[in-house]
PDB file of all heavy atoms in Angstrom:
ATOM      1  N   ILE A   1     -13.348  -1.868  29.173  1.00  0.00           N
ATOM      2  CA  ILE A   1     -12.066  -1.526  29.042  1.00  0.00           C
ATOM      3  C   ILE A   1     -11.323  -2.519  28.170  1.00  0.00           C
ATOM      4  O   ILE A   1     -11.327  -3.743  28.524  1.00  0.00           O
ATOM      5  CB  ILE A   1     -11.334  -1.543  30.444  1.00  0.00           C
ATOM      6  CG1 ILE A   1     -12.030  -0.550  31.426  1.00  0.00           C
ATOM      7  CG2 ILE A   1      -9.862  -1.176  30.187  1.00  0.00           C
ATOM      8  CD1 ILE A   1     -11.607  -0.684  32.782  1.00  0.00           C
ATOM      9  N   HIS A   2     -10.898  -2.072  27.019  1.00  0.00           N
ATOM     10  CA  HIS A   2     -10.244  -2.946  26.068  1.00  0.00           C
ATOM     11  C   HIS A   2      -9.462  -2.122  24.992  1.00  0.00           C
ATOM     12  O   HIS A   2      -9.606  -0.885  24.925  1.00  0.00           O
ATOM     13  CB  HIS A   2     -11.204  -3.849  25.300  1.00  0.00           C
ATOM     14  CG  HIS A   2     -12.411  -3.056  24.600  1.00  0.00           C
ATOM     15  ND1 HIS A   2     -12.260  -2.457  23.505  1.00  0.00           N
ATOM     16  CD2 HIS A   2     -13.616  -2.919  25.075  1.00  0.00           C
ATOM     17  CE1 HIS A   2     -13.384  -1.854  23.051  1.00  0.00           C
ATOM     18  NE2 HIS A   2     -14.233  -2.112  24.052  1.00  0.00           N
ATOM     19  N   THR A   3      -8.737  -2.665  24.213  1.00  0.00           N
ATOM     20  CA  THR A   3      -7.996  -2.056  23.089  1.00  0.00           C
ATOM     21  C   THR A   3      -8.498  -2.259  21.746  1.00  0.00           C
ATOM     22  O   THR A   3      -7.820  -1.934  20.694  1.00  0.00           O
ATOM     23  CB  THR A   3      -6.541  -2.397  23.144  1.00  0.00           C
ATOM     24  OG1 THR A   3      -6.348  -3.805  22.955  1.00  0.00           O
ATOM     25  CG2 THR A   3      -5.769  -1.967  24.478  1.00  0.00           C
ATOM     26  N   ASN A   4      -9.625  -2.878  21.577  1.00  0.00           N
ATOM     27  CA  ASN A   4     -10.162  -3.398  20.255  1.00  0.00           C
ATOM     28  C   ASN A   4     -10.333  -2.094  19.356  1.00  0.00           C
ATOM     29  O   ASN A   4     -10.081  -2.215  18.142  1.00  0.00           O
ATOM     30  CB  ASN A   4     -11.506  -4.000  20.429  1.00  0.00           C
ATOM     31  CG  ASN A   4     -11.396  -5.270  21.170  1.00  0.00           C
ATOM     32  OD1 ASN A   4     -10.230  -5.906  21.274  1.00  0.00           O
ATOM     33  ND2 ASN A   4     -12.521  -5.927  21.576  1.00  0.00           N
ATOM     34  N   GLY A   5     -10.871  -0.953  19.848  1.00  0.00           N
ATOM     35  CA  GLY A   5     -11.089   0.217  19.076  1.00  0.00           C
ATOM     36  C   GLY A   5      -9.811   0.770  18.358  1.00  0.00           C
ATOM     37  O   GLY A   5      -9.720   0.937  17.184  1.00  0.00           O
ATOM     38  N   ILE A   6      -8.870   0.943  19.095  1.00  0.00           N
ATOM     39  CA  ILE A   6      -7.552   1.489  18.577  1.00  0.00           C
ATOM     40  C   ILE A   6      -6.774   0.484  17.784  1.00  0.00           C
ATOM     41  O   ILE A   6      -6.272   0.889  16.734  1.00  0.00           O
ATOM     42  CB  ILE A   6      -6.649   2.133  19.727  1.00  0.00           C
ATOM     43  CG1 ILE A   6      -5.491   2.971  19.207  1.00  0.00           C
ATOM     44  CG2 ILE A   6      -6.137   0.992  20.644  1.00  0.00           C
ATOM     45  CD1 ILE A   6      -5.967   4.176  18.528  1.00  0.00           C
ATOM     46  N   GLU A   7      -6.895  -0.784  18.163  1.00  0.00           N
ATOM     47  CA  GLU A   7      -6.294  -1.790  17.223  1.00  0.00           C
ATOM     48  C   GLU A   7      -7.048  -1.827  15.900  1.00  0.00           C
ATOM     49  O   GLU A   7      -6.362  -2.030  14.869  1.00  0.00           O
ATOM     50  CB  GLU A   7      -6.352  -3.114  17.948  1.00  0.00           C
ATOM     51  CG  GLU A   7      -5.429  -3.245  19.083  1.00  0.00           C
ATOM     52  CD  GLU A   7      -5.484  -4.512  19.906  1.00  0.00           C
ATOM     53  OE1 GLU A   7      -6.380  -5.351  19.526  1.00  0.00           O
ATOM     54  OE2 GLU A   7      -4.705  -4.737  20.821  1.00  0.00           O
ATOM     55  N   ASN A   8      -8.301  -1.613  15.885  1.00  0.00           N
ATOM     56  CA  ASN A   8      -9.087  -1.698  14.675  1.00  0.00           C
ATOM     57  C   ASN A   8      -8.640  -0.480  13.846  1.00  0.00           C
ATOM     58  O   ASN A   8      -8.477  -0.588  12.608  1.00  0.00           O
ATOM     59  CB  ASN A   8     -10.618  -1.582  14.948  1.00  0.00           C
ATOM     60  CG  ASN A   8     -11.441  -1.682  13.743  1.00  0.00           C
ATOM     61  OD1 ASN A   8     -11.106  -2.207  12.710  1.00  0.00           O
ATOM     62  ND2 ASN A   8     -12.620  -1.106  13.820  1.00  0.00           N
ATOM     63  N   PHE A   9      -8.610   0.704  14.457  1.00  0.00           N
ATOM     64  CA  PHE A   9      -8.186   1.922  13.751  1.00  0.00           C
ATOM     65  C   PHE A   9      -6.741   1.684  13.018  1.00  0.00           C
ATOM     66  O   PHE A   9      -6.579   1.979  11.808  1.00  0.00           O
ATOM     67  CB  PHE A   9      -7.979   3.126  14.683  1.00  0.00           C
ATOM     68  CG  PHE A   9      -7.498   4.368  14.076  1.00  0.00           C
ATOM     69  CD1 PHE A   9      -8.381   5.194  13.444  1.00  0.00           C
ATOM     70  CD2 PHE A   9      -6.154   4.658  14.075  1.00  0.00           C
ATOM     71  CE1 PHE A   9      -7.900   6.396  12.890  1.00  0.00           C
ATOM     72  CE2 PHE A   9      -5.697   5.848  13.566  1.00  0.00           C
ATOM     73  CZ  PHE A   9      -6.558   6.767  12.948  1.00  0.00           C
ATOM     74  N   TRP A  10      -5.747   1.225  13.686  1.00  0.00           N
ATOM     75  CA  TRP A  10      -4.432   1.058  13.254  1.00  0.00           C
ATOM     76  C   TRP A  10      -4.310   0.058  12.072  1.00  0.00           C
ATOM     77  O   TRP A  10      -3.688   0.311  11.210  1.00  0.00           O
ATOM     78  CB  TRP A  10      -3.409   0.765  14.296  1.00  0.00           C
ATOM     79  CG  TRP A  10      -3.120   1.890  15.141  1.00  0.00           C
ATOM     80  CD1 TRP A  10      -3.404   2.063  16.539  1.00  0.00           C
ATOM     81  CD2 TRP A  10      -2.640   3.182  14.879  1.00  0.00           C
ATOM     82  NE1 TRP A  10      -3.121   3.245  16.963  1.00  0.00           N
ATOM     83  CE2 TRP A  10      -2.534   3.980  15.972  1.00  0.00           C
ATOM     84  CE3 TRP A  10      -2.149   3.710  13.648  1.00  0.00           C
ATOM     85  CZ2 TRP A  10      -2.116   5.329  15.929  1.00  0.00           C
ATOM     86  CZ3 TRP A  10      -1.709   5.159  13.517  1.00  0.00           C
ATOM     87  CH2 TRP A  10      -1.734   5.824  14.826  1.00  0.00           C
ATOM     88  N   ILE A  11      -5.073  -1.015  12.170  1.00  0.00           N
ATOM     89  CA  ILE A  11      -5.033  -2.093  11.131  1.00  0.00           C
ATOM     90  C   ILE A  11      -5.685  -1.550   9.813  1.00  0.00           C
ATOM     91  O   ILE A  11      -5.170  -1.726   8.837  1.00  0.00           O
ATOM     92  CB  ILE A  11      -5.596  -3.381  11.607  1.00  0.00           C
ATOM     93  CG1 ILE A  11      -5.237  -4.507  10.537  1.00  0.00           C
ATOM     94  CG2 ILE A  11      -7.104  -3.411  11.697  1.00  0.00           C
ATOM     95  CD1 ILE A  11      -3.725  -4.892  10.512  1.00  0.00           C
ATOM     96  N   LEU A  12      -6.704  -0.726  10.051  1.00  0.00           N
ATOM     97  CA  LEU A  12      -7.380  -0.191   8.874  1.00  0.00           C
ATOM     98  C   LEU A  12      -6.548   0.878   8.286  1.00  0.00           C
ATOM     99  O   LEU A  12      -6.504   0.928   7.023  1.00  0.00           O
ATOM    100  CB  LEU A  12      -8.838   0.388   9.147  1.00  0.00           C
ATOM    101  CG  LEU A  12      -9.872  -0.631   9.634  1.00  0.00           C
ATOM    102  CD1 LEU A  12     -11.055   0.108  10.092  1.00  0.00           C
ATOM    103  CD2 LEU A  12     -10.120  -1.398   8.404  1.00  0.00           C
ATOM    104  N   LEU A  13      -5.823   1.680   9.042  1.00  0.00           N
ATOM    105  CA  LEU A  13      -4.820   2.645   8.421  1.00  0.00           C
ATOM    106  C   LEU A  13      -3.690   1.895   7.692  1.00  0.00           C
ATOM    107  O   LEU A  13      -3.351   2.335   6.563  1.00  0.00           O
ATOM    108  CB  LEU A  13      -4.301   3.531   9.579  1.00  0.00           C
ATOM    109  CG  LEU A  13      -3.155   4.471   9.172  1.00  0.00           C
ATOM    110  CD1 LEU A  13      -3.797   5.534   8.280  1.00  0.00           C
ATOM    111  CD2 LEU A  13      -2.535   5.128  10.400  1.00  0.00           C
ATOM    112  N   LYS A  14      -3.155   0.893   8.336  1.00  0.00           N
ATOM    113  CA  LYS A  14      -2.018   0.206   7.686  1.00  0.00           C
ATOM    114  C   LYS A  14      -2.565  -0.438   6.281  1.00  0.00           C
ATOM    115  O   LYS A  14      -1.871  -0.417   5.320  1.00  0.00           O
ATOM    116  CB  LYS A  14      -1.624  -1.031   8.507  1.00  0.00           C
ATOM    117  CG  LYS A  14      -0.813  -0.551   9.715  1.00  0.00           C
ATOM    118  CD  LYS A  14      -0.367  -1.752  10.489  1.00  0.00           C
ATOM    119  CE  LYS A  14       0.295  -1.378  11.800  1.00  0.00           C
ATOM    120  NZ  LYS A  14       0.733  -2.562  12.678  1.00  0.00           N
ATOM    121  N   ARG A  15      -3.783  -1.018   6.268  1.00  0.00           N
ATOM    122  CA  ARG A  15      -4.292  -1.583   5.101  1.00  0.00           C
ATOM    123  C   ARG A  15      -4.440  -0.515   4.004  1.00  0.00           C
ATOM    124  O   ARG A  15      -4.119  -0.730   2.802  1.00  0.00           O
ATOM    125  CB  ARG A  15      -5.643  -2.240   5.281  1.00  0.00           C
ATOM    126  CG  ARG A  15      -5.572  -3.608   5.998  1.00  0.00           C
ATOM    127  CD  ARG A  15      -6.875  -4.123   6.126  1.00  0.00           C
ATOM    128  NE  ARG A  15      -6.787  -5.336   7.069  1.00  0.00           N
ATOM    129  CZ  ARG A  15      -7.927  -5.938   7.534  1.00  0.00           C
ATOM    130  NH1 ARG A  15      -9.152  -5.479   7.399  1.00  0.00           N
ATOM    131  NH2 ARG A  15      -7.767  -6.961   8.345  1.00  0.00           N
ATOM    132  N   SER A  16      -4.956   0.672   4.372  1.00  0.00           N
ATOM    133  CA  SER A  16      -5.136   1.753   3.345  1.00  0.00           C
ATOM    134  C   SER A  16      -3.786   2.305   2.800  1.00  0.00           C
ATOM    135  O   SER A  16      -3.633   2.597   1.645  1.00  0.00           O
ATOM    136  CB  SER A  16      -5.903   2.897   4.007  1.00  0.00           C
ATOM    137  OG  SER A  16      -5.263   3.609   4.929  1.00  0.00           O
ATOM    138  N   ILE A  17      -2.875   2.336   3.654  1.00  0.00           N
ATOM    139  CA  ILE A  17      -1.499   2.755   3.255  1.00  0.00           C
ATOM    140  C   ILE A  17      -0.808   1.780   2.244  1.00  0.00           C
ATOM    141  O   ILE A  17      -0.344   2.123   1.236  1.00  0.00           O
ATOM    142  CB  ILE A  17      -0.500   3.158   4.414  1.00  0.00           C
ATOM    143  CG1 ILE A  17      -1.079   4.481   5.146  1.00  0.00           C
ATOM    144  CG2 ILE A  17       0.902   3.348   3.980  1.00  0.00           C
ATOM    145  CD1 ILE A  17      -0.379   4.809   6.414  1.00  0.00           C
ATOM    146  N   HIS A  18      -0.994   0.563   2.608  1.00  0.00           N
ATOM    147  CA  HIS A  18      -0.303  -0.487   1.764  1.00  0.00           C
ATOM    148  C   HIS A  18      -1.094  -0.852   0.652  1.00  0.00           C
ATOM    149  O   HIS A  18      -0.527  -1.306  -0.346  1.00  0.00           O
ATOM    150  CB  HIS A  18       0.025  -1.715   2.681  1.00  0.00           C
ATOM    151  CG  HIS A  18       1.080  -1.536   3.720  1.00  0.00           C
ATOM    152  ND1 HIS A  18       2.364  -1.243   3.430  1.00  0.00           N
ATOM    153  CD2 HIS A  18       0.967  -1.598   5.103  1.00  0.00           C
ATOM    154  CE1 HIS A  18       3.064  -1.091   4.603  1.00  0.00           C
ATOM    155  NE2 HIS A  18       2.149  -1.293   5.652  1.00  0.00           N
ATOM    156  N   GLY A  19      -2.400  -0.657   0.677  1.00  0.00           N
ATOM    157  CA  GLY A  19      -3.333  -1.113  -0.393  1.00  0.00           C
ATOM    158  C   GLY A  19      -3.678   0.039  -1.265  1.00  0.00           C
ATOM    159  O   GLY A  19      -3.408   0.149  -2.497  1.00  0.00           O
ATOM    160  N   THR A  20      -4.406   1.029  -0.748  1.00  0.00           N
ATOM    161  CA  THR A  20      -4.882   2.189  -1.428  1.00  0.00           C
ATOM    162  C   THR A  20      -3.880   3.194  -1.889  1.00  0.00           C
ATOM    163  O   THR A  20      -3.786   3.554  -3.096  1.00  0.00           O
ATOM    164  CB  THR A  20      -5.973   2.797  -0.671  1.00  0.00           C
ATOM    165  OG1 THR A  20      -7.055   1.920  -0.342  1.00  0.00           O
ATOM    166  CG2 THR A  20      -6.659   3.908  -1.613  1.00  0.00           C
ATOM    167  N   TYR A  21      -3.071   3.646  -0.977  1.00  0.00           N
ATOM    168  CA  TYR A  21      -2.161   4.766  -1.206  1.00  0.00           C
ATOM    169  C   TYR A  21      -0.775   4.237  -1.659  1.00  0.00           C
ATOM    170  O   TYR A  21      -0.054   4.995  -2.218  1.00  0.00           O
ATOM    171  CB  TYR A  21      -2.012   5.608   0.026  1.00  0.00           C
ATOM    172  CG  TYR A  21      -3.311   6.177   0.492  1.00  0.00           C
ATOM    173  CD1 TYR A  21      -3.904   5.795   1.666  1.00  0.00           C
ATOM    174  CD2 TYR A  21      -4.035   7.034  -0.351  1.00  0.00           C
ATOM    175  CE1 TYR A  21      -5.095   6.414   2.128  1.00  0.00           C
ATOM    176  CE2 TYR A  21      -5.289   7.553   0.046  1.00  0.00           C
ATOM    177  CZ  TYR A  21      -5.771   7.163   1.224  1.00  0.00           C
ATOM    178  OH  TYR A  21      -7.004   7.682   1.564  1.00  0.00           O
ATOM    179  N   VAL A  22      -0.301   3.006  -1.259  1.00  0.00           N
ATOM    180  CA  VAL A  22       0.907   2.417  -1.645  1.00  0.00           C
ATOM    181  C   VAL A  22       2.024   3.082  -1.018  1.00  0.00           C
ATOM    182  O   VAL A  22       2.925   2.466  -0.441  1.00  0.00           O
ATOM    183  CB  VAL A  22       1.049   2.240  -3.184  1.00  0.00           C
ATOM    184  CG1 VAL A  22       2.314   1.477  -3.535  1.00  0.00           C
ATOM    185  CG2 VAL A  22      -0.141   1.527  -3.753  1.00  0.00           C
ATOM    186  N   SER A  23       2.293   4.407  -1.128  1.00  0.00           N
ATOM    187  CA  SER A  23       3.325   5.258  -0.763  1.00  0.00           C
ATOM    188  C   SER A  23       2.888   6.450  -0.126  1.00  0.00           C
ATOM    189  O   SER A  23       1.967   7.140  -0.658  1.00  0.00           O
ATOM    190  CB  SER A  23       4.318   5.441  -1.828  1.00  0.00           C
ATOM    191  OG  SER A  23       5.363   6.217  -1.377  1.00  0.00           O
ATOM    192  N   VAL A  24       3.383   6.857   1.051  1.00  0.00           N
ATOM    193  CA  VAL A  24       2.963   8.058   1.789  1.00  0.00           C
ATOM    194  C   VAL A  24       4.261   8.792   2.049  1.00  0.00           C
ATOM    195  O   VAL A  24       5.165   8.306   2.679  1.00  0.00           O
ATOM    196  CB  VAL A  24       2.324   7.620   3.115  1.00  0.00           C
ATOM    197  CG1 VAL A  24       2.042   8.886   3.938  1.00  0.00           C
ATOM    198  CG2 VAL A  24       0.971   6.984   2.835  1.00  0.00           C
ATOM    199  N   GLU A  25       4.273  10.007   1.627  1.00  0.00           N
ATOM    200  CA  GLU A  25       5.394  10.901   1.870  1.00  0.00           C
ATOM    201  C   GLU A  25       5.252  11.468   3.342  1.00  0.00           C
ATOM    202  O   GLU A  25       4.170  11.888   3.748  1.00  0.00           O
ATOM    203  CB  GLU A  25       5.421  12.109   0.913  1.00  0.00           C
ATOM    204  CG  GLU A  25       5.703  11.632  -0.543  1.00  0.00           C
ATOM    205  CD  GLU A  25       7.074  11.161  -0.760  1.00  0.00           C
ATOM    206  OE1 GLU A  25       8.000  11.599  -0.065  1.00  0.00           O
ATOM    207  OE2 GLU A  25       7.188  10.272  -1.547  1.00  0.00           O
ATOM    208  N   PRO A  26       6.330  11.469   4.095  1.00  0.00           N
ATOM    209  CA  PRO A  26       6.289  12.087   5.375  1.00  0.00           C
ATOM    210  C   PRO A  26       5.602  13.508   5.583  1.00  0.00           C
ATOM    211  O   PRO A  26       5.011  13.661   6.485  1.00  0.00           O
ATOM    212  CB  PRO A  26       7.708  12.088   5.851  1.00  0.00           C
ATOM    213  CG  PRO A  26       8.375  11.037   5.070  1.00  0.00           C
ATOM    214  CD  PRO A  26       7.729  11.046   3.740  1.00  0.00           C
ATOM    215  N   PHE A  27       5.837  14.235   4.544  1.00  0.00           N
ATOM    216  CA  PHE A  27       5.300  15.701   4.526  1.00  0.00           C
ATOM    217  C   PHE A  27       3.725  15.669   4.551  1.00  0.00           C
ATOM    218  O   PHE A  27       3.114  16.472   5.145  1.00  0.00           O
ATOM    219  CB  PHE A  27       5.836  16.480   3.362  1.00  0.00           C
ATOM    220  CG  PHE A  27       5.144  17.823   3.247  1.00  0.00           C
ATOM    221  CD1 PHE A  27       5.645  18.797   3.921  1.00  0.00           C
ATOM    222  CD2 PHE A  27       4.093  18.015   2.333  1.00  0.00           C
ATOM    223  CE1 PHE A  27       5.042  20.107   3.940  1.00  0.00           C
ATOM    224  CE2 PHE A  27       3.556  19.281   2.130  1.00  0.00           C
ATOM    225  CZ  PHE A  27       4.026  20.337   2.982  1.00  0.00           C
ATOM    226  N   HIS A  28       3.178  14.592   3.939  1.00  0.00           N
ATOM    227  CA  HIS A  28       1.740  14.496   3.867  1.00  0.00           C
ATOM    228  C   HIS A  28       1.184  13.564   4.834  1.00  0.00           C
ATOM    229  O   HIS A  28      -0.093  13.331   4.905  1.00  0.00           O
ATOM    230  CB  HIS A  28       1.333  13.984   2.389  1.00  0.00           C
ATOM    231  CG  HIS A  28       1.751  14.930   1.374  1.00  0.00           C
ATOM    232  ND1 HIS A  28       1.150  16.293   1.257  1.00  0.00           N
ATOM    233  CD2 HIS A  28       2.569  14.858   0.332  1.00  0.00           C
ATOM    234  CE1 HIS A  28       1.737  16.850   0.156  1.00  0.00           C
ATOM    235  NE2 HIS A  28       2.599  16.094  -0.434  1.00  0.00           N
ATOM    236  N   LEU A  29       1.997  12.918   5.766  1.00  0.00           N
ATOM    237  CA  LEU A  29       1.409  12.006   6.632  1.00  0.00           C
ATOM    238  C   LEU A  29       0.277  12.438   7.471  1.00  0.00           C
ATOM    239  O   LEU A  29      -0.774  11.761   7.585  1.00  0.00           O
ATOM    240  CB  LEU A  29       2.534  11.376   7.598  1.00  0.00           C
ATOM    241  CG  LEU A  29       2.161  10.308   8.505  1.00  0.00           C
ATOM    242  CD1 LEU A  29       1.607   9.106   7.762  1.00  0.00           C
ATOM    243  CD2 LEU A  29       3.336   9.878   9.338  1.00  0.00           C
ATOM    244  N   PHE A  30       0.311  13.688   8.027  1.00  0.00           N
ATOM    245  CA  PHE A  30      -0.726  14.176   8.884  1.00  0.00           C
ATOM    246  C   PHE A  30      -2.054  14.272   8.065  1.00  0.00           C
ATOM    247  O   PHE A  30      -3.119  14.070   8.588  1.00  0.00           O
ATOM    248  CB  PHE A  30      -0.371  15.507   9.449  1.00  0.00           C
ATOM    249  CG  PHE A  30      -0.428  16.706   8.559  1.00  0.00           C
ATOM    250  CD1 PHE A  30      -1.458  17.469   8.441  1.00  0.00           C
ATOM    251  CD2 PHE A  30       0.791  17.009   7.726  1.00  0.00           C
ATOM    252  CE1 PHE A  30      -1.518  18.605   7.628  1.00  0.00           C
ATOM    253  CE2 PHE A  30       0.786  18.065   6.806  1.00  0.00           C
ATOM    254  CZ  PHE A  30      -0.383  18.888   6.856  1.00  0.00           C
ATOM    255  N   ARG A  31      -2.015  14.488   6.766  1.00  0.00           N
ATOM    256  CA  ARG A  31      -3.241  14.556   5.905  1.00  0.00           C
ATOM    257  C   ARG A  31      -3.816  13.131   5.745  1.00  0.00           C
ATOM    258  O   ARG A  31      -4.986  13.004   5.848  1.00  0.00           O
ATOM    259  CB  ARG A  31      -2.817  15.029   4.561  1.00  0.00           C
ATOM    260  CG  ARG A  31      -2.498  16.551   4.610  1.00  0.00           C
ATOM    261  CD  ARG A  31      -2.204  17.214   3.146  1.00  0.00           C
ATOM    262  NE  ARG A  31      -1.894  18.611   3.366  1.00  0.00           N
ATOM    263  CZ  ARG A  31      -0.770  19.134   3.235  1.00  0.00           C
ATOM    264  NH1 ARG A  31       0.247  18.409   3.088  1.00  0.00           N
ATOM    265  NH2 ARG A  31      -0.690  20.564   3.354  1.00  0.00           N
ATOM    266  N   TYR A  32      -3.024  12.170   5.513  1.00  0.00           N
ATOM    267  CA  TYR A  32      -3.532  10.834   5.520  1.00  0.00           C
ATOM    268  C   TYR A  32      -4.139  10.427   6.793  1.00  0.00           C
ATOM    269  O   TYR A  32      -5.236   9.766   6.984  1.00  0.00           O
ATOM    270  CB  TYR A  32      -2.375   9.738   5.244  1.00  0.00           C
ATOM    271  CG  TYR A  32      -2.008   9.893   3.708  1.00  0.00           C
ATOM    272  CD1 TYR A  32      -0.855  10.567   3.304  1.00  0.00           C
ATOM    273  CD2 TYR A  32      -2.649   9.224   2.692  1.00  0.00           C
ATOM    274  CE1 TYR A  32      -0.398  10.611   2.061  1.00  0.00           C
ATOM    275  CE2 TYR A  32      -2.312   9.276   1.361  1.00  0.00           C
ATOM    276  CZ  TYR A  32      -1.191  10.025   1.033  1.00  0.00           C
ATOM    277  OH  TYR A  32      -0.728  10.092  -0.224  1.00  0.00           O
ATOM    278  N   LEU A  33      -3.538  10.780   7.975  1.00  0.00           N
ATOM    279  CA  LEU A  33      -4.071  10.500   9.283  1.00  0.00           C
ATOM    280  C   LEU A  33      -5.385  11.158   9.471  1.00  0.00           C
ATOM    281  O   LEU A  33      -6.322  10.604  10.031  1.00  0.00           O
ATOM    282  CB  LEU A  33      -3.063  10.789  10.396  1.00  0.00           C
ATOM    283  CG  LEU A  33      -1.843   9.931  10.477  1.00  0.00           C
ATOM    284  CD1 LEU A  33      -0.775  10.566  11.347  1.00  0.00           C
ATOM    285  CD2 LEU A  33      -2.140   8.522  10.818  1.00  0.00           C
TER     286      LEU A  33
END
């Protein structure tokens, strides 16, 4: 029982949004997810 998996998921998502994609439109957010 731990939160490491979900914390890993969210930090990788944040890095991809700020690094690879730079800007994400709300209309497309579900696609990025």
